Amino acid sequence: MTRYYEILKAPIITEETNRLMESQNKYTFKVDKKANKVDIKKAVEAIFKVKVLSVNTINMRRKFKRMGKYEGYRPAYKKAIVEIAEGQRIDAFTV
């Protein structure tokens, strides 16, 4: 069971992800870079007790950022967009 919590790192809550939650019942997570779609599906179903219909993954590249005279990179990460069954919802995303 603890392995599931290592796969899902954090929810991603932005205006775009809120729009996806309301209109298409899709939730977005920051996940482990080594996790595949099957692992992500099992983790979401086990942790939140919902039925997952599909999983889409995206490898986000690192971004160059500058703050005054300091410059560097924001880290790269993997993002998963999970569609769950109609009528179900994940309460962790409500703010």
C-alpha atoms as a PDB file:
ATOM      1  CA  MET A   1       0.000   0.000   0.000  1.00  0.00           C
ATOM      2  CA  THR A   2       2.823   2.448   0.714  1.00  0.00           C
ATOM      3  CA  ARG A   3       4.057   2.026  -2.847  1.00  0.00           C
ATOM      4  CA  TYR A   4       0.890   3.720  -4.124  1.00  0.00           C
ATOM      5  CA  TYR A   5       1.702   6.833  -2.118  1.00  0.00           C
ATOM      6  CA  GLU A   6       5.175   6.886  -3.687  1.00  0.00           C
ATOM      7  CA  ILE A   7       3.667   6.896  -7.195  1.00  0.00           C
ATOM      8  CA  LEU A   8       1.259   9.815  -6.639  1.00  0.00           C
ATOM      9  CA  LYS A   9       3.308  12.750  -5.396  1.00  0.00           C
ATOM     10  CA  ALA A  10       0.849  15.683  -5.386  1.00  0.00           C
ATOM     11  CA  PRO A  11      -2.323  16.967  -7.012  1.00  0.00           C
ATOM     12  CA  ILE A  12      -1.942  19.764  -9.551  1.00  0.00           C
ATOM     13  CA  ILE A  13      -4.544  22.471  -8.993  1.00  0.00           C
ATOM     14  CA  THR A  14      -4.691  25.271 -11.569  1.00  0.00           C
ATOM     15  CA  GLU A  15      -7.458  27.041 -13.478  1.00  0.00           C
ATOM     16  CA  GLU A  16      -7.079  24.610 -16.366  1.00  0.00           C
ATOM     17  CA  THR A  17      -7.246  21.526 -14.137  1.00  0.00           C
ATOM     18  CA  ASN A  18     -10.317  22.927 -12.342  1.00  0.00           C
ATOM     19  CA  ARG A  19     -12.013  23.329 -15.723  1.00  0.00           C
ATOM     20  CA  LEU A  20     -11.150  19.710 -16.599  1.00  0.00           C
ATOM     21  CA  MET A  21     -12.534  18.491 -13.254  1.00  0.00           C
ATOM     22  CA  GLU A  22     -15.854  20.277 -13.706  1.00  0.00           C
ATOM     23  CA  SER A  23     -16.476  19.572 -17.391  1.00  0.00           C
ATOM     24  CA  GLN A  24     -14.838  16.200 -18.143  1.00  0.00           C
ATOM     25  CA  ASN A  25     -14.308  14.611 -14.690  1.00  0.00           C
ATOM     26  CA  LYS A  26     -10.509  14.479 -15.160  1.00  0.00           C
ATOM     27  CA  TYR A  27      -8.005  14.956 -12.333  1.00  0.00           C
ATOM     28  CA  THR A  28      -4.325  15.889 -12.651  1.00  0.00           C
ATOM     29  CA  PHE A  29      -1.475  14.552 -10.502  1.00  0.00           C
ATOM     30  CA  LYS A  30       2.274  14.985 -10.305  1.00  0.00           C
ATOM     31  CA  VAL A  31       3.598  11.404 -10.389  1.00  0.00           C
ATOM     32  CA  ASP A  32       6.879   9.505 -10.125  1.00  0.00           C
ATOM     33  CA  LYS A  33       8.945   9.687 -13.319  1.00  0.00           C
ATOM     34  CA  LYS A  34       9.290   5.874 -13.447  1.00  0.00           C
ATOM     35  CA  ALA A  35       5.555   5.144 -13.056  1.00  0.00           C
ATOM     36  CA  ASN A  36       3.598   3.837 -16.032  1.00  0.00           C
ATOM     37  CA  LYS A  37      -0.126   4.172 -16.807  1.00  0.00           C
ATOM     38  CA  VAL A  38      -1.068   0.847 -15.234  1.00  0.00           C
ATOM     39  CA  ASP A  39       0.707   1.720 -11.966  1.00  0.00           C
ATOM     40  CA  ILE A  40      -0.956   5.144 -11.873  1.00  0.00           C
ATOM     41  CA  LYS A  41      -4.398   3.619 -12.482  1.00  0.00           C
ATOM     42  CA  LYS A  42      -3.954   1.077  -9.675  1.00  0.00           C
ATOM     43  CA  ALA A  43      -2.697   3.764  -7.279  1.00  0.00           C
ATOM     44  CA  VAL A  44      -5.620   6.141  -7.911  1.00  0.00           C
ATOM     45  CA  GLU A  45      -8.180   3.335  -7.602  1.00  0.00           C
ATOM     46  CA  ALA A  46      -6.626   2.043  -4.367  1.00  0.00           C
ATOM     47  CA  ILE A  47      -6.137   5.404  -2.644  1.00  0.00           C
ATOM     48  CA  PHE A  48      -9.341   7.223  -3.636  1.00  0.00           C
ATOM     49  CA  LYS A  49     -11.704   4.216  -4.152  1.00  0.00           C
ATOM     50  CA  VAL A  50     -12.876   5.349  -7.612  1.00  0.00           C
ATOM     51  CA  LYS A  51     -13.146   3.663 -11.034  1.00  0.00           C
ATOM     52  CA  VAL A  52     -10.502   4.972 -13.472  1.00  0.00           C
ATOM     53  CA  LEU A  53     -11.493   5.018 -17.147  1.00  0.00           C
ATOM     54  CA  SER A  54      -8.282   6.330 -18.725  1.00  0.00           C
ATOM     55  CA  VAL A  55      -4.840   7.706 -17.879  1.00  0.00           C
ATOM     56  CA  ASN A  56      -2.809  10.135 -20.000  1.00  0.00           C
ATOM     57  CA  THR A  57       0.794  10.961 -19.055  1.00  0.00           C
ATOM     58  CA  ILE A  58       3.017  13.892 -19.992  1.00  0.00           C
ATOM     59  CA  ASN A  59       6.724  14.368 -19.323  1.00  0.00           C
ATOM     60  CA  MET A  60       7.134  18.041 -18.434  1.00  0.00           C
ATOM     61  CA  ARG A  61      10.546  19.433 -19.364  1.00  0.00           C
ATOM     62  CA  ARG A  62      12.562  21.617 -17.035  1.00  0.00           C
ATOM     63  CA  LYS A  63      12.026  25.353 -17.502  1.00  0.00           C
ATOM     64  CA  PHE A  64      14.564  28.156 -17.394  1.00  0.00           C
ATOM     65  CA  LYS A  65      13.638  30.843 -14.868  1.00  0.00           C
ATOM     66  CA  ARG A  66      15.298  34.114 -13.926  1.00  0.00           C
ATOM     67  CA  MET A  67      14.699  36.071 -10.710  1.00  0.00           C
ATOM     68  CA  GLY A  68      16.636  39.322 -10.837  1.00  0.00           C
ATOM     69  CA  LYS A  69      20.288  38.479 -11.219  1.00  0.00           C
ATOM     70  CA  TYR A  70      19.745  34.826 -10.255  1.00  0.00           C
ATOM     71  CA  GLU A  71      18.948  32.247 -12.883  1.00  0.00           C
ATOM     72  CA  GLY A  72      18.370  28.540 -12.937  1.00  0.00           C
ATOM     73  CA  TYR A  73      15.975  25.775 -13.904  1.00  0.00           C
ATOM     74  CA  ARG A  74      12.735  24.520 -12.416  1.00  0.00           C
ATOM     75  CA  PRO A  75      12.849  20.727 -12.170  1.00  0.00           C
ATOM     76  CA  ALA A  76      11.333  18.366 -14.737  1.00  0.00           C
ATOM     77  CA  TYR A  77       8.449  16.133 -13.634  1.00  0.00           C
ATOM     78  CA  LYS A  78       5.833  13.720 -14.945  1.00  0.00           C
ATOM     79  CA  LYS A  79       2.154  14.675 -15.007  1.00  0.00           C
ATOM     80  CA  ALA A  80      -0.814  12.293 -15.211  1.00  0.00           C
ATOM     81  CA  ILE A  81      -4.356  13.228 -16.245  1.00  0.00           C
ATOM     82  CA  VAL A  82      -6.785  10.630 -14.886  1.00  0.00           C
ATOM     83  CA  GLU A  83     -10.407  10.312 -16.054  1.00  0.00           C
ATOM     84  CA  ILE A  84     -12.747   8.717 -13.531  1.00  0.00           C
ATOM     85  CA  ALA A  85     -16.228   7.260 -13.926  1.00  0.00           C
ATOM     86  CA  GLU A  86     -19.309   9.475 -14.173  1.00  0.00           C
ATOM     87  CA  GLY A  87     -20.847  10.376 -10.824  1.00  0.00           C
ATOM     88  CA  GLN A  88     -17.652   9.804  -8.835  1.00  0.00           C
ATOM     89  CA  ARG A  89     -15.282  12.468  -7.556  1.00  0.00           C
ATOM     90  CA  ILE A  90     -12.078  12.868  -5.579  1.00  0.00           C
ATOM     91  CA  ASP A  91     -12.483  15.010  -2.465  1.00  0.00           C
ATOM     92  CA  ALA A  92      -8.751  15.808  -2.173  1.00  0.00           C
ATOM     93  CA  PHE A  93      -9.128  18.379  -4.959  1.00  0.00           C
ATOM     94  CA  THR A  94     -11.814  20.500  -3.323  1.00  0.00           C
ATOM     95  CA  VAL A  95     -10.349  23.703  -1.893  1.00  0.00           C
END
